[in-house]
Amino acid sequence: MFSFPSPRDLYNAVGVHSELAHLYAACVMGRPVAVQHSIRKALQLLATKPMALLFRPELGPAVAALAERYQQRVRELADWKPKSNNAFRQLVSLVQHLFDQYGNLPAWLLNAWTQPSLVEDGVNLPDLTLHLGWGRSLRSFAGLPVKLSKRLEHGMRQAPAGCTFREALRYAQLAARDALEWWGLVMESRLGRAPLLDDDFWLSVVDFFVAAPMVDPRHFGPVCDWIHQKRSVGIGPEPPQPGFSLKGRSMASVLAQAERWHQGQARERRRLGEVEPDANHRWTGLPVADFVDGPVRIEQLLTYGQLVAEGRALHHCVATYLQSCRQGRCGIFSLTVDGARALTLEVDASRKLVQVRGKHNRWMTAAESKWVNQWLDEARLVLSRHVHVAG
């Protein structure tokens, strides 16, 4: 792989889509000669082991990150023996062997090496792995987007395997509030999907809900959408209110205002029809297959008119996802039964189903979840643990 004088020569020899070509793109292309030399030595050592992970194109960036940091290992590769033929388990085991000096790296951080991106919320996860692997504290890592207390660090270390960095942080923040039962709802909401900005305010919204007796948790996400609109965009003729606060407000008034805003979106779009996007405006969409099983269909919505029609039929604000769909940050799908709209589904760019909502933002039923899970299997999608099924 390192002997070819140019990428073109390699591609001509092994093909553009070959496993070696993917590994070359991750480990060699665009890197300084000194870094290439270091990675080459590490890869030569890795190749002496029965490594399924070297032949999985999607793990190329992780292999490159591991090889680039190989000189900072705490144990020798010769002492590692793979206990599985599964490439992803091999990778996690190898990262732990090479970089976890004391055996206490969080499971979610080890598993993060198998994900499509090794940088989350500005945090370089391989660098964080080395930092914690040497026995240093999480809160002393220079690349954190928020300041951590000892209690939050403890909570993040206790977060379940499979979490992203943001999910682990939210887990810790809710654990500190004795409100872990809200974790899934928070992660399904704007607070879980948006970048880590203005955390103190958004956590005050969590506190507002946690403190309210007998409030249906399903309102949390829609209220967060209403608050975001009020603070960042403005509602109707009123300008944005970046200093908006829930202090002194009752839960009943907040829910009523949020509900009025959601119901008024279609009317507002019609009133401002002169600036509304073209209903026929189309985008490419995510490379995710649709689903058909008798009367049940799950189809990606690819025009603004389809988003508007979906929102009007199910009484929610999915049309506000226009820019995210256009920019490829997510795909919106509609589940219909005999042509009747039943569910709206959001899939993010990493092919994870992150949100499912029915009419008036209800959760999907057990029967609907069977169809959704069948689609996930066929389309090779991942289901977020935070997606709810009505019980």
Protein backbone atom coordinates (compact mmCIF):
# COMPACT_ATOMS: atom_id res chain seq x y z
CA MET A 1 0.00 0.00 0.00
CA PHE A 2 2.85 2.39 0.80
CA SER A 3 4.89 1.41 -2.26
CA PHE A 4 2.64 3.06 -4.85
CA PRO A 5 4.00 6.44 -6.01
CA SER A 6 0.53 8.03 -6.25
CA PRO A 7 -3.11 7.35 -5.39
CA ARG A 8 -3.86 6.88 -9.09
CA ASP A 9 -1.30 4.07 -9.33
CA LEU A 10 -2.83 2.31 -6.33
CA TYR A 11 -6.37 2.67 -7.63
CA ASN A 12 -5.36 1.37 -11.04
CA ALA A 13 -3.79 -1.66 -9.41
CA VAL A 14 -6.37 -2.61 -6.77
CA GLY A 15 -9.52 -0.68 -7.70
CA VAL A 16 -11.10 2.46 -6.25
CA HIS A 17 -13.55 0.56 -4.03
CA SER A 18 -11.23 -2.16 -2.76
CA GLU A 19 -10.52 -2.71 0.93
CA LEU A 20 -6.92 -1.62 0.39
CA ALA A 21 -8.05 1.59 -1.32
CA HIS A 22 -10.26 2.50 1.68
CA LEU A 23 -7.40 1.79 4.09
CA TYR A 24 -5.07 3.89 1.93
CA ALA A 25 -7.48 6.83 1.99
CA ALA A 26 -7.68 6.68 5.79
CA CYS A 27 -4.03 6.00 6.61
CA VAL A 28 -1.92 7.58 3.87
CA MET A 29 -3.67 10.16 1.71
CA GLY A 30 -2.93 13.75 2.70
CA ARG A 31 -0.71 12.85 5.65
CA PRO A 32 2.87 14.19 6.11
CA VAL A 33 5.66 11.77 5.20
CA ALA A 34 6.78 11.43 8.83
CA VAL A 35 3.26 10.46 9.93
CA GLN A 36 2.95 8.02 7.03
CA HIS A 37 6.18 6.37 8.14
CA SER A 38 4.91 5.99 11.72
CA ILE A 39 1.56 4.58 10.56
CA ARG A 40 3.31 2.20 8.18
CA LYS A 41 5.39 0.67 10.96
CA ALA A 42 2.30 0.21 13.13
CA LEU A 43 0.28 -1.35 10.31
CA GLN A 44 3.07 -3.78 9.55
CA LEU A 45 2.94 -4.93 13.17
CA LEU A 46 -0.86 -5.14 13.13
CA ALA A 47 -0.72 -7.26 9.99
CA THR A 48 1.19 -9.96 11.91
CA LYS A 49 -1.99 -10.66 13.89
CA PRO A 50 -5.21 -12.25 12.58
CA MET A 51 -6.94 -8.88 12.11
CA ALA A 52 -10.44 -8.87 10.68
CA LEU A 53 -10.62 -5.14 11.42
CA LEU A 54 -8.01 -4.40 8.70
CA PHE A 55 -10.49 -5.60 6.09
CA ARG A 56 -13.50 -3.50 7.12
CA PRO A 57 -13.56 -0.21 5.15
CA GLU A 58 -15.80 1.51 7.72
CA LEU A 59 -13.11 0.98 10.37
CA GLY A 60 -10.37 2.58 8.28
CA PRO A 61 -10.41 5.91 10.19
CA ALA A 62 -10.21 4.05 13.52
CA VAL A 63 -7.31 1.91 12.27
CA ALA A 64 -5.53 5.07 11.15
CA ALA A 65 -6.13 6.77 14.51
CA LEU A 66 -4.82 3.71 16.35
CA ALA A 67 -1.74 3.38 14.13
CA GLU A 68 -0.98 7.10 14.40
CA ARG A 69 -0.95 6.82 18.22
CA TYR A 70 0.71 3.43 18.40
CA GLN A 71 3.97 4.86 19.78
CA GLN A 72 2.03 6.01 22.86
CA ARG A 73 0.89 2.50 23.76
CA VAL A 74 1.12 1.21 27.34
CA ARG A 75 1.41 -2.46 26.33
CA GLU A 76 2.98 -4.39 23.47
CA LEU A 77 0.97 -5.70 20.57
CA ALA A 78 2.76 -9.05 20.87
CA ASP A 79 0.97 -9.64 24.19
CA TRP A 80 -2.50 -9.18 22.68
CA LYS A 81 -4.54 -12.12 21.46
CA PRO A 82 -7.88 -11.54 19.74
CA LYS A 83 -10.70 -13.41 21.47
CA SER A 84 -13.21 -12.84 18.67
CA ASN A 85 -13.35 -12.93 14.90
CA ASN A 86 -15.71 -9.95 14.95
CA ALA A 87 -13.86 -6.90 13.61
CA PHE A 88 -15.61 -4.43 15.92
CA ARG A 89 -14.91 -6.49 19.05
CA GLN A 90 -11.31 -6.89 17.92
CA LEU A 91 -10.96 -3.14 17.63
CA VAL A 92 -12.38 -2.45 21.09
CA SER A 93 -10.19 -5.15 22.63
CA LEU A 94 -7.08 -3.87 20.90
CA VAL A 95 -7.69 -0.23 21.89
CA GLN A 96 -8.16 -1.30 25.50
CA HIS A 97 -5.00 -3.44 25.43
CA LEU A 98 -2.80 -0.78 23.89
CA PHE A 99 -4.03 2.35 25.66
CA ASP A 100 -5.89 1.46 28.88
CA GLN A 101 -3.12 1.27 31.47
CA TYR A 102 -5.34 0.78 34.53
CA GLY A 103 -8.32 -1.00 32.97
CA ASN A 104 -10.85 1.72 33.82
CA LEU A 105 -11.64 3.38 30.49
CA PRO A 106 -15.40 3.92 30.16
CA ALA A 107 -17.04 1.28 27.99
CA TRP A 108 -18.81 3.95 25.92
CA LEU A 109 -15.46 5.55 25.04
CA LEU A 110 -13.98 2.24 23.92
CA ASN A 111 -17.06 1.47 21.84
CA ALA A 112 -16.91 4.95 20.30
CA TRP A 113 -13.92 3.79 18.24
CA THR A 114 -16.32 1.68 16.16
CA GLN A 115 -18.57 4.63 15.25
CA PRO A 116 -18.43 6.53 11.92
CA SER A 117 -16.92 9.67 13.46
CA LEU A 118 -14.09 9.81 16.00
CA VAL A 119 -14.81 13.45 16.84
CA GLU A 120 -17.99 14.32 18.76
CA ASP A 121 -18.95 17.83 19.85
CA GLY A 122 -15.39 18.92 19.13
CA VAL A 123 -13.93 16.18 21.35
CA ASN A 124 -11.24 14.03 19.72
CA LEU A 125 -12.15 10.62 21.13
CA PRO A 126 -8.82 8.85 20.39
CA ASP A 127 -6.96 11.66 22.18
CA LEU A 128 -9.42 11.43 25.07
CA THR A 129 -8.77 7.66 25.17
CA LEU A 130 -5.04 8.21 25.59
CA HIS A 131 -5.63 10.93 28.18
CA LEU A 132 -7.82 8.71 30.37
CA GLY A 133 -5.74 5.63 29.63
CA TRP A 134 -2.76 7.25 31.28
CA GLY A 135 -4.81 7.69 34.46
CA ARG A 136 -5.63 11.35 34.07
CA SER A 137 -9.00 12.82 35.02
CA LEU A 138 -11.70 13.41 32.44
CA ARG A 139 -12.29 16.95 33.64
CA SER A 140 -8.63 17.87 32.97
CA PHE A 141 -8.89 17.05 29.24
CA ALA A 142 -8.26 20.26 27.30
CA GLY A 143 -10.75 19.59 24.50
CA LEU A 144 -14.00 19.43 26.50
CA PRO A 145 -16.87 21.64 25.31
CA VAL A 146 -18.22 22.10 28.86
CA LYS A 147 -16.62 22.35 32.28
CA LEU A 148 -16.99 19.20 34.39
CA SER A 149 -17.23 18.85 38.15
CA LYS A 150 -16.06 15.73 39.97
CA ARG A 151 -19.67 14.60 40.23
CA LEU A 152 -20.26 15.00 36.50
CA GLU A 153 -17.05 13.15 35.70
CA HIS A 154 -18.16 10.28 37.92
CA GLY A 155 -21.52 10.21 36.14
CA MET A 156 -19.93 10.17 32.70
CA ARG A 157 -17.68 7.28 33.68
CA GLN A 158 -20.82 5.37 34.77
CA ALA A 159 -22.74 6.00 31.53
CA PRO A 160 -23.83 2.84 29.69
CA ALA A 161 -21.79 1.28 26.90
CA GLY A 162 -22.90 2.44 23.48
CA CYS A 163 -23.30 6.08 24.48
CA THR A 164 -21.92 8.91 22.43
CA PHE A 165 -19.96 11.62 24.25
CA ARG A 166 -23.07 13.82 24.36
CA GLU A 167 -25.24 11.00 25.66
CA ALA A 168 -22.72 10.25 28.40
CA LEU A 169 -22.65 13.91 29.39
CA ARG A 170 -26.44 14.15 29.51
CA TYR A 171 -26.52 10.92 31.50
CA ALA A 172 -24.19 12.49 34.08
CA GLN A 173 -26.12 15.76 34.18
CA LEU A 174 -29.40 13.94 34.80
CA ALA A 175 -27.83 11.57 37.32
CA ALA A 176 -26.67 14.62 39.26
CA ARG A 177 -30.32 15.72 39.36
CA ASP A 178 -31.66 12.28 40.34
CA ALA A 179 -33.59 12.40 37.07
CA LEU A 180 -32.20 9.54 35.02
CA GLU A 181 -35.74 8.50 34.07
CA TRP A 182 -35.75 11.59 31.82
CA TRP A 183 -32.55 10.62 30.01
CA GLY A 184 -34.23 9.02 27.00
CA LEU A 185 -36.67 11.90 26.57
CA VAL A 186 -33.88 14.46 26.80
CA MET A 187 -31.76 12.64 24.21
CA GLU A 188 -34.73 12.37 21.85
CA SER A 189 -35.39 16.10 22.12
CA ARG A 190 -33.53 19.09 20.68
CA LEU A 191 -31.38 19.05 23.82
CA GLY A 192 -30.05 15.65 22.84
CA ARG A 193 -29.59 16.27 19.12
CA ALA A 194 -28.29 19.84 18.99
CA PRO A 195 -24.67 20.89 19.66
CA LEU A 196 -23.61 21.51 23.23
CA LEU A 197 -24.46 25.20 23.43
CA ASP A 198 -26.08 27.19 26.25
CA ASP A 199 -26.22 24.11 28.46
CA ASP A 200 -27.16 25.95 31.65
CA PHE A 201 -30.34 27.27 30.11
CA TRP A 202 -31.43 23.98 28.54
CA LEU A 203 -30.76 22.11 31.75
CA SER A 204 -33.03 24.62 33.50
CA VAL A 205 -35.77 23.43 31.11
CA VAL A 206 -35.11 19.88 32.30
CA ASP A 207 -35.34 21.08 35.92
CA PHE A 208 -38.62 22.83 35.10
CA PHE A 209 -40.15 19.57 33.87
CA VAL A 210 -38.66 17.40 36.61
CA ALA A 211 -40.12 19.68 39.28
CA ALA A 212 -43.62 19.66 37.77
CA PRO A 213 -46.01 17.05 39.20
CA MET A 214 -48.08 14.85 36.90
CA VAL A 215 -46.87 16.20 33.56
CA ASP A 216 -46.88 13.90 30.53
CA PRO A 217 -43.17 13.50 29.59
CA ARG A 218 -43.99 13.42 25.87
CA HIS A 219 -44.46 17.20 25.99
CA PHE A 220 -40.77 17.79 26.70
CA GLY A 221 -39.55 17.63 23.11
CA PRO A 222 -42.30 19.83 21.62
CA VAL A 223 -41.80 22.42 24.38
CA CYS A 224 -38.05 22.49 23.63
CA ASP A 225 -38.86 23.15 19.96
CA TRP A 226 -41.16 26.03 20.95
CA ILE A 227 -38.52 27.51 23.27
CA HIS A 228 -35.85 27.29 20.57
CA GLN A 229 -38.14 29.09 18.15
CA LYS A 230 -38.92 31.78 20.70
CA ARG A 231 -35.28 32.37 21.65
CA SER A 232 -33.57 32.03 18.26
CA VAL A 233 -36.09 32.85 15.53
CA GLY A 234 -39.09 34.59 17.02
CA ILE A 235 -42.76 33.65 16.89
CA GLY A 236 -45.02 35.49 14.49
CA PRO A 237 -44.24 39.22 14.45
CA GLU A 238 -42.25 39.15 17.69
CA PRO A 239 -38.42 39.21 17.42
CA PRO A 240 -36.17 36.53 18.92
CA GLN A 241 -35.89 36.60 22.70
CA PRO A 242 -32.41 35.23 23.52
CA GLY A 243 -32.95 36.16 27.17
CA PHE A 244 -36.18 34.13 27.42
CA SER A 245 -36.55 32.41 30.78
CA LEU A 246 -38.99 29.98 32.35
CA LYS A 247 -38.65 31.70 35.72
CA GLY A 248 -42.05 32.61 37.10
CA ARG A 249 -43.96 30.65 34.45
CA SER A 250 -46.35 27.82 35.20
CA MET A 251 -46.23 24.47 33.45
CA ALA A 252 -49.82 24.93 32.31
CA SER A 253 -49.06 28.24 30.56
CA VAL A 254 -45.91 26.86 28.92
CA LEU A 255 -47.74 23.81 27.59
CA ALA A 256 -50.60 25.96 26.29
CA GLN A 257 -48.28 28.38 24.48
CA ALA A 258 -46.22 25.57 22.99
CA GLU A 259 -49.37 23.81 21.79
CA ARG A 260 -50.71 27.01 20.21
CA TRP A 261 -47.41 27.51 18.39
CA HIS A 262 -47.38 23.96 17.04
CA GLN A 263 -50.98 24.24 15.87
CA GLY A 264 -50.33 27.64 14.33
CA GLN A 265 -47.36 26.64 12.17
CA ALA A 266 -49.46 25.70 9.15
CA ARG A 267 -51.53 28.90 9.45
CA GLU A 268 -48.38 31.00 9.80
CA ARG A 269 -46.81 29.43 6.73
CA ARG A 270 -49.93 30.21 4.72
CA ARG A 271 -49.94 33.80 6.00
CA LEU A 272 -46.33 34.23 4.96
CA GLY A 273 -46.86 32.35 1.72
CA GLU A 274 -44.83 34.84 -0.26
CA VAL A 275 -41.62 33.73 1.46
CA GLU A 276 -42.51 30.08 1.94
CA PRO A 277 -40.21 27.69 0.07
CA ASP A 278 -41.45 26.13 -3.15
CA ALA A 279 -43.59 23.11 -2.30
CA ASN A 280 -41.91 21.21 -5.13
CA HIS A 281 -38.39 21.96 -3.91
CA ARG A 282 -36.62 18.58 -3.87
CA TRP A 283 -33.44 17.28 -2.27
CA THR A 284 -31.49 14.05 -2.72
CA GLY A 285 -32.27 12.50 0.66
CA LEU A 286 -30.32 9.94 2.63
CA PRO A 287 -29.26 6.68 0.95
CA VAL A 288 -31.84 4.68 2.91
CA ALA A 289 -34.24 2.23 1.29
CA ASP A 290 -38.00 2.63 1.64
CA PHE A 291 -40.13 -0.21 3.04
CA VAL A 292 -43.26 -1.99 1.77
CA ASP A 293 -45.11 -4.77 3.60
CA GLY A 294 -48.65 -5.15 2.30
CA PRO A 295 -50.63 -2.06 3.32
CA VAL A 296 -47.69 -0.66 5.31
CA ARG A 297 -45.21 1.68 3.63
CA ILE A 298 -42.28 3.69 4.99
CA GLU A 299 -41.12 6.29 2.47
CA GLN A 300 -38.63 9.13 2.63
CA LEU A 301 -40.10 12.62 2.19
CA LEU A 302 -38.07 14.49 -0.42
CA THR A 303 -39.96 17.74 -1.03
CA TYR A 304 -41.01 20.65 1.13
CA GLY A 305 -44.63 20.05 0.15
CA GLN A 306 -44.41 16.50 1.50
CA LEU A 307 -43.04 17.79 4.82
CA VAL A 308 -45.85 20.33 5.10
CA ALA A 309 -48.51 17.73 4.28
CA GLU A 310 -47.03 15.35 6.85
CA GLY A 311 -47.06 18.03 9.55
CA ARG A 312 -50.62 19.06 8.78
CA ALA A 313 -51.89 15.49 8.84
CA LEU A 314 -50.19 14.54 12.11
CA HIS A 315 -50.33 17.96 13.81
CA HIS A 316 -46.64 18.43 14.45
CA CYS A 317 -43.88 20.66 13.08
CA VAL A 318 -41.82 18.36 10.89
CA ALA A 319 -41.75 21.08 8.19
CA THR A 320 -39.19 22.90 10.35
CA TYR A 321 -36.70 20.17 9.35
CA LEU A 322 -36.45 21.60 5.83
CA GLN A 323 -32.89 22.92 6.14
CA SER A 324 -31.64 19.81 7.92
CA CYS A 325 -33.05 17.63 5.14
CA ARG A 326 -31.60 19.84 2.41
CA GLN A 327 -28.16 19.78 4.02
CA GLY A 328 -28.18 16.01 4.54
CA ARG A 329 -28.13 16.18 8.33
CA CYS A 330 -31.19 13.94 8.53
CA GLY A 331 -33.91 12.23 6.52
CA ILE A 332 -37.63 12.34 7.32
CA PHE A 333 -39.73 9.24 6.58
CA SER A 334 -43.47 8.68 6.72
CA LEU A 335 -45.11 5.42 7.80
CA THR A 336 -48.54 4.94 6.25
CA VAL A 337 -51.11 2.16 6.59
CA ASP A 338 -53.48 1.79 3.66
CA GLY A 339 -52.39 5.26 2.60
CA ALA A 340 -53.22 6.89 5.95
CA ARG A 341 -50.33 8.66 7.66
CA ALA A 342 -49.47 7.09 11.02
CA LEU A 343 -45.88 7.95 11.99
CA THR A 344 -43.12 10.40 11.13
CA LEU A 345 -39.58 9.07 11.54
CA GLU A 346 -36.26 10.94 11.66
CA VAL A 347 -33.03 9.21 10.61
CA ASP A 348 -29.76 11.08 11.16
CA ALA A 349 -26.76 11.12 8.85
CA SER A 350 -25.11 8.24 10.73
CA ARG A 351 -28.09 5.99 9.78
CA LYS A 352 -29.62 6.00 13.24
CA LEU A 353 -33.38 6.29 13.80
CA VAL A 354 -33.48 9.02 16.44
CA GLN A 355 -37.12 10.09 16.63
CA VAL A 356 -40.57 8.65 15.95
CA ARG A 357 -43.78 10.61 16.37
CA GLY A 358 -47.43 10.04 15.55
CA LYS A 359 -50.38 12.41 15.57
CA HIS A 360 -50.04 15.20 18.15
CA ASN A 361 -46.48 13.94 18.92
CA ARG A 362 -47.67 10.59 20.33
CA TRP A 363 -45.20 7.70 20.61
CA MET A 364 -45.44 4.68 18.33
CA THR A 365 -47.47 1.68 19.40
CA ALA A 366 -46.15 -1.84 19.89
CA ALA A 367 -47.74 -2.92 16.60
CA GLU A 368 -46.12 -0.04 14.73
CA SER A 369 -42.75 -0.82 16.32
CA LYS A 370 -42.79 -4.27 14.67
CA TRP A 371 -42.98 -2.69 11.22
CA VAL A 372 -40.35 -0.13 12.12
CA ASN A 373 -37.95 -2.80 13.39
CA GLN A 374 -38.47 -4.84 10.23
CA TRP A 375 -37.57 -1.76 8.18
CA LEU A 376 -34.50 -1.13 10.34
CA ASP A 377 -33.25 -4.66 9.63
CA GLU A 378 -33.87 -4.44 5.89
CA ALA A 379 -32.41 -0.93 5.52
CA ARG A 380 -29.49 -1.66 7.90
CA LEU A 381 -30.32 1.16 10.27
CA VAL A 382 -29.61 1.50 13.98
CA LEU A 383 -32.37 2.28 16.48
CA SER A 384 -31.58 4.89 19.11
CA ARG A 385 -32.17 3.58 22.61
CA HIS A 386 -34.10 6.77 23.26
CA VAL A 387 -36.95 6.08 20.84
CA HIS A 388 -40.08 5.32 22.85
CA VAL A 389 -42.87 2.82 22.39
CA ALA A 390 -46.19 3.58 24.05
CA GLY A 391 -46.81 1.15 26.88
